[in-house]
Amino acid sequence: YDIIFPLARPGLAVTLILTWVFAWTEYLLAATLTNFHARTLTTGLSEYVTTTGTAWGIMAAIAMLTLVPALIVFSVVQRHIVAGLT
């Protein structure tokens, strides 16, 4: 245990990080399993696409808000990602 876990830590950290990011940005599953009253931010973007037009400014602002947590996580754990992938 003293040898295996320290060597496996970077790989486990990368697996955790990438799993979180892929789950955070999953659109199809969230759109299928949620209803109108319980939506994620990414599925809420579909409200701004209508038959009369698209509110590009609001959609861009919400899209940036959905990217902020992933960017924060990546910036904090960037060294673990590099160590786990090499």
N, C-alpha and C. Protein backbone atom coordinates (compact mmCIF):
# COMPACT_ATOMS: atom_id res chain seq x y z
N TYR A 1 0.81 -1.20 0.00
CA TYR A 1 0.00 0.00 0.00
C TYR A 1 0.85 1.26 0.00
N ASP A 2 2.02 1.20 0.57
CA ASP A 2 2.87 2.37 0.63
C ASP A 2 3.48 2.71 -0.72
N ILE A 3 3.50 1.77 -1.63
CA ILE A 3 4.08 2.01 -2.95
C ILE A 3 3.00 2.25 -3.99
N ILE A 4 1.92 1.48 -3.94
CA ILE A 4 0.90 1.52 -4.99
C ILE A 4 0.11 2.82 -4.98
N PHE A 5 -0.37 3.25 -3.83
CA PHE A 5 -1.23 4.43 -3.77
C PHE A 5 -0.51 5.72 -4.15
N PRO A 6 0.73 5.97 -3.70
CA PRO A 6 1.39 7.20 -4.17
C PRO A 6 1.65 7.20 -5.68
N LEU A 7 1.91 6.05 -6.26
CA LEU A 7 2.12 6.00 -7.70
C LEU A 7 0.81 6.13 -8.48
N ALA A 8 -0.28 5.68 -7.91
CA ALA A 8 -1.57 5.73 -8.60
C ALA A 8 -2.29 7.06 -8.40
N ARG A 9 -1.86 7.88 -7.48
CA ARG A 9 -2.56 9.13 -7.15
C ARG A 9 -2.72 10.06 -8.36
N PRO A 10 -1.69 10.33 -9.17
CA PRO A 10 -1.90 11.23 -10.32
C PRO A 10 -2.91 10.67 -11.33
N GLY A 11 -2.86 9.38 -11.59
CA GLY A 11 -3.82 8.78 -12.52
C GLY A 11 -5.24 8.84 -11.99
N LEU A 12 -5.42 8.61 -10.72
CA LEU A 12 -6.75 8.70 -10.11
C LEU A 12 -7.24 10.15 -10.11
N ALA A 13 -6.33 11.09 -9.87
CA ALA A 13 -6.73 12.50 -9.89
C ALA A 13 -7.19 12.91 -11.28
N VAL A 14 -6.49 12.50 -12.32
CA VAL A 14 -6.90 12.83 -13.69
C VAL A 14 -8.23 12.18 -14.02
N THR A 15 -8.42 10.95 -13.60
CA THR A 15 -9.68 10.27 -13.84
C THR A 15 -10.83 10.99 -13.15
N LEU A 16 -10.63 11.41 -11.92
CA LEU A 16 -11.65 12.16 -11.19
C LEU A 16 -11.96 13.48 -11.87
N ILE A 17 -10.94 14.20 -12.27
CA ILE A 17 -11.13 15.51 -12.88
C ILE A 17 -11.86 15.39 -14.21
N LEU A 18 -11.41 14.50 -15.08
CA LEU A 18 -12.05 14.37 -16.39
C LEU A 18 -13.47 13.84 -16.28
N THR A 19 -13.73 12.95 -15.33
CA THR A 19 -15.08 12.46 -15.11
C THR A 19 -16.00 13.58 -14.66
N TRP A 20 -15.49 14.44 -13.77
CA TRP A 20 -16.30 15.57 -13.30
C TRP A 20 -16.60 16.53 -14.45
N VAL A 21 -15.61 16.83 -15.27
CA VAL A 21 -15.82 17.77 -16.37
C VAL A 21 -16.79 17.20 -17.39
N PHE A 22 -16.65 15.92 -17.72
CA PHE A 22 -17.57 15.33 -18.69
C PHE A 22 -19.00 15.27 -18.13
N ALA A 23 -19.14 15.01 -16.84
CA ALA A 23 -20.47 15.00 -16.23
C ALA A 23 -21.04 16.42 -16.15
N TRP A 24 -20.19 17.41 -15.93
CA TRP A 24 -20.65 18.80 -15.81
C TRP A 24 -21.18 19.31 -17.15
N THR A 25 -20.56 18.90 -18.23
CA THR A 25 -20.96 19.42 -19.54
C THR A 25 -21.91 18.48 -20.29
N GLU A 26 -22.40 17.44 -19.65
CA GLU A 26 -23.30 16.49 -20.29
C GLU A 26 -24.65 17.15 -20.56
N TYR A 27 -25.00 17.27 -21.82
CA TYR A 27 -26.24 17.93 -22.18
C TYR A 27 -27.37 16.93 -22.43
N LEU A 28 -27.10 15.89 -23.16
CA LEU A 28 -28.15 14.97 -23.58
C LEU A 28 -28.81 14.29 -22.39
N LEU A 29 -28.02 13.82 -21.45
CA LEU A 29 -28.59 13.15 -20.28
C LEU A 29 -29.40 14.12 -19.43
N ALA A 30 -28.88 15.32 -19.23
CA ALA A 30 -29.61 16.31 -18.44
C ALA A 30 -30.89 16.75 -19.12
N ALA A 31 -30.86 16.88 -20.43
CA ALA A 31 -32.07 17.29 -21.16
C ALA A 31 -33.13 16.20 -21.14
N THR A 32 -32.70 14.96 -21.10
CA THR A 32 -33.65 13.85 -21.09
C THR A 32 -34.26 13.63 -19.72
N LEU A 33 -33.47 13.75 -18.68
CA LEU A 33 -33.93 13.38 -17.35
C LEU A 33 -34.52 14.53 -16.52
N THR A 34 -34.43 15.75 -16.99
CA THR A 34 -34.96 16.87 -16.22
C THR A 34 -36.24 17.39 -16.85
N ASN A 35 -37.01 18.08 -16.04
CA ASN A 35 -38.21 18.73 -16.57
C ASN A 35 -38.01 20.24 -16.53
N PHE A 36 -39.04 20.99 -16.81
CA PHE A 36 -38.93 22.44 -16.92
C PHE A 36 -38.56 23.09 -15.58
N HIS A 37 -39.05 22.55 -14.47
CA HIS A 37 -38.82 23.17 -13.17
C HIS A 37 -37.49 22.78 -12.53
N ALA A 38 -36.87 21.75 -13.01
CA ALA A 38 -35.58 21.32 -12.47
C ALA A 38 -34.60 21.17 -13.63
N ARG A 39 -33.95 22.27 -14.00
CA ARG A 39 -33.05 22.28 -15.14
C ARG A 39 -31.65 22.63 -14.73
N THR A 40 -30.70 22.15 -15.50
CA THR A 40 -29.33 22.58 -15.33
C THR A 40 -29.11 23.83 -16.19
N LEU A 41 -27.99 24.50 -15.99
CA LEU A 41 -27.72 25.70 -16.79
C LEU A 41 -27.59 25.38 -18.27
N THR A 42 -26.95 24.27 -18.58
CA THR A 42 -26.75 23.94 -19.99
C THR A 42 -28.06 23.61 -20.71
N THR A 43 -28.98 22.96 -20.02
CA THR A 43 -30.26 22.69 -20.67
C THR A 43 -31.15 23.92 -20.68
N GLY A 44 -30.91 24.85 -19.78
CA GLY A 44 -31.66 26.10 -19.78
C GLY A 44 -31.34 26.98 -20.98
N LEU A 45 -30.21 26.74 -21.61
CA LEU A 45 -29.86 27.50 -22.81
C LEU A 45 -30.85 27.30 -23.94
N SER A 46 -31.50 26.16 -23.97
CA SER A 46 -32.45 25.89 -25.06
C SER A 46 -33.67 26.79 -25.00
N GLU A 47 -33.92 27.45 -23.86
CA GLU A 47 -35.06 28.38 -23.77
C GLU A 47 -34.87 29.59 -24.66
N TYR A 48 -33.64 29.95 -24.95
CA TYR A 48 -33.36 31.18 -25.70
C TYR A 48 -33.31 30.98 -27.20
N VAL A 49 -33.62 29.77 -27.66
CA VAL A 49 -33.74 29.50 -29.09
C VAL A 49 -35.22 29.30 -29.37
N THR A 50 -35.82 30.22 -30.08
CA THR A 50 -37.25 30.15 -30.37
C THR A 50 -37.45 30.21 -31.88
N THR A 51 -38.68 30.10 -32.29
CA THR A 51 -38.98 30.17 -33.72
C THR A 51 -38.85 31.59 -34.25
N THR A 52 -38.95 32.57 -33.38
CA THR A 52 -38.85 33.96 -33.83
C THR A 52 -37.42 34.48 -33.84
N GLY A 53 -36.52 33.81 -33.14
CA GLY A 53 -35.14 34.26 -33.13
C GLY A 53 -34.36 33.64 -31.98
N THR A 54 -33.11 34.04 -31.89
CA THR A 54 -32.22 33.51 -30.86
C THR A 54 -31.60 34.67 -30.11
N ALA A 55 -31.62 34.60 -28.79
CA ALA A 55 -31.02 35.64 -27.95
C ALA A 55 -29.55 35.29 -27.73
N TRP A 56 -28.70 35.70 -28.68
CA TRP A 56 -27.30 35.30 -28.66
C TRP A 56 -26.55 35.89 -27.48
N GLY A 57 -26.86 37.09 -27.07
CA GLY A 57 -26.14 37.73 -25.96
C GLY A 57 -26.37 37.00 -24.64
N ILE A 58 -27.61 36.67 -24.36
CA ILE A 58 -27.94 35.96 -23.13
C ILE A 58 -27.37 34.55 -23.16
N MET A 59 -27.45 33.91 -24.32
CA MET A 59 -26.89 32.56 -24.44
C MET A 59 -25.38 32.56 -24.23
N ALA A 60 -24.69 33.55 -24.75
CA ALA A 60 -23.24 33.63 -24.57
C ALA A 60 -22.89 33.88 -23.10
N ALA A 61 -23.65 34.71 -22.43
CA ALA A 61 -23.38 34.99 -21.01
C ALA A 61 -23.59 33.73 -20.16
N ILE A 62 -24.66 33.00 -20.40
CA ILE A 62 -24.92 31.78 -19.64
C ILE A 62 -23.90 30.71 -19.97
N ALA A 63 -23.50 30.62 -21.22
CA ALA A 63 -22.47 29.64 -21.60
C ALA A 63 -21.16 29.93 -20.88
N MET A 64 -20.80 31.19 -20.75
CA MET A 64 -19.58 31.54 -20.01
C MET A 64 -19.72 31.19 -18.53
N LEU A 65 -20.90 31.37 -17.97
CA LEU A 65 -21.12 30.99 -16.56
C LEU A 65 -20.99 29.49 -16.36
N THR A 66 -21.40 28.72 -17.34
CA THR A 66 -21.27 27.27 -17.19
C THR A 66 -19.82 26.81 -17.35
N LEU A 67 -19.01 27.59 -18.02
CA LEU A 67 -17.60 27.23 -18.20
C LEU A 67 -16.73 27.60 -17.00
N VAL A 68 -17.16 28.57 -16.20
CA VAL A 68 -16.33 29.07 -15.10
C VAL A 68 -15.95 27.97 -14.10
N PRO A 69 -16.86 27.13 -13.59
CA PRO A 69 -16.44 26.10 -12.65
C PRO A 69 -15.43 25.12 -13.23
N ALA A 70 -15.61 24.74 -14.48
CA ALA A 70 -14.65 23.83 -15.11
C ALA A 70 -13.28 24.48 -15.25
N LEU A 71 -13.24 25.75 -15.61
CA LEU A 71 -11.96 26.45 -15.72
C LEU A 71 -11.27 26.58 -14.37
N ILE A 72 -12.04 26.81 -13.32
CA ILE A 72 -11.45 26.90 -11.98
C ILE A 72 -10.86 25.56 -11.57
N VAL A 73 -11.61 24.49 -11.80
CA VAL A 73 -11.11 23.16 -11.44
C VAL A 73 -9.85 22.83 -12.23
N PHE A 74 -9.84 23.13 -13.53
CA PHE A 74 -8.66 22.85 -14.34
C PHE A 74 -7.46 23.68 -13.90
N SER A 75 -7.68 24.92 -13.54
CA SER A 75 -6.54 25.74 -13.14
C SER A 75 -5.98 25.30 -11.79
N VAL A 76 -6.82 24.81 -10.90
CA VAL A 76 -6.35 24.37 -9.58
C VAL A 76 -5.59 23.05 -9.68
N VAL A 77 -6.05 22.14 -10.50
CA VAL A 77 -5.47 20.80 -10.54
C VAL A 77 -4.68 20.52 -11.81
N GLN A 78 -4.17 21.56 -12.44
CA GLN A 78 -3.44 21.40 -13.69
C GLN A 78 -2.19 20.54 -13.52
N ARG A 79 -1.50 20.67 -12.41
CA ARG A 79 -0.28 19.90 -12.22
C ARG A 79 -0.59 18.41 -12.08
N HIS A 80 -1.74 18.07 -11.49
CA HIS A 80 -2.13 16.66 -11.38
C HIS A 80 -2.47 16.08 -12.76
N ILE A 81 -3.07 16.91 -13.61
CA ILE A 81 -3.40 16.44 -14.95
C ILE A 81 -2.14 16.14 -15.74
N VAL A 82 -1.18 17.04 -15.67
CA VAL A 82 0.09 16.83 -16.39
C VAL A 82 0.81 15.62 -15.84
N ALA A 83 0.85 15.46 -14.52
CA ALA A 83 1.55 14.31 -13.92
C ALA A 83 0.83 13.01 -14.24
N GLY A 84 -0.49 13.02 -14.29
CA GLY A 84 -1.23 11.80 -14.55
C GLY A 84 -1.19 11.36 -15.99
N LEU A 85 -1.05 12.31 -16.91
CA LEU A 85 -1.04 11.97 -18.31
C LEU A 85 0.36 11.60 -18.83
N THR A 86 1.40 11.89 -18.04
CA THR A 86 2.76 11.59 -18.54
C THR A 86 3.27 10.30 -18.00
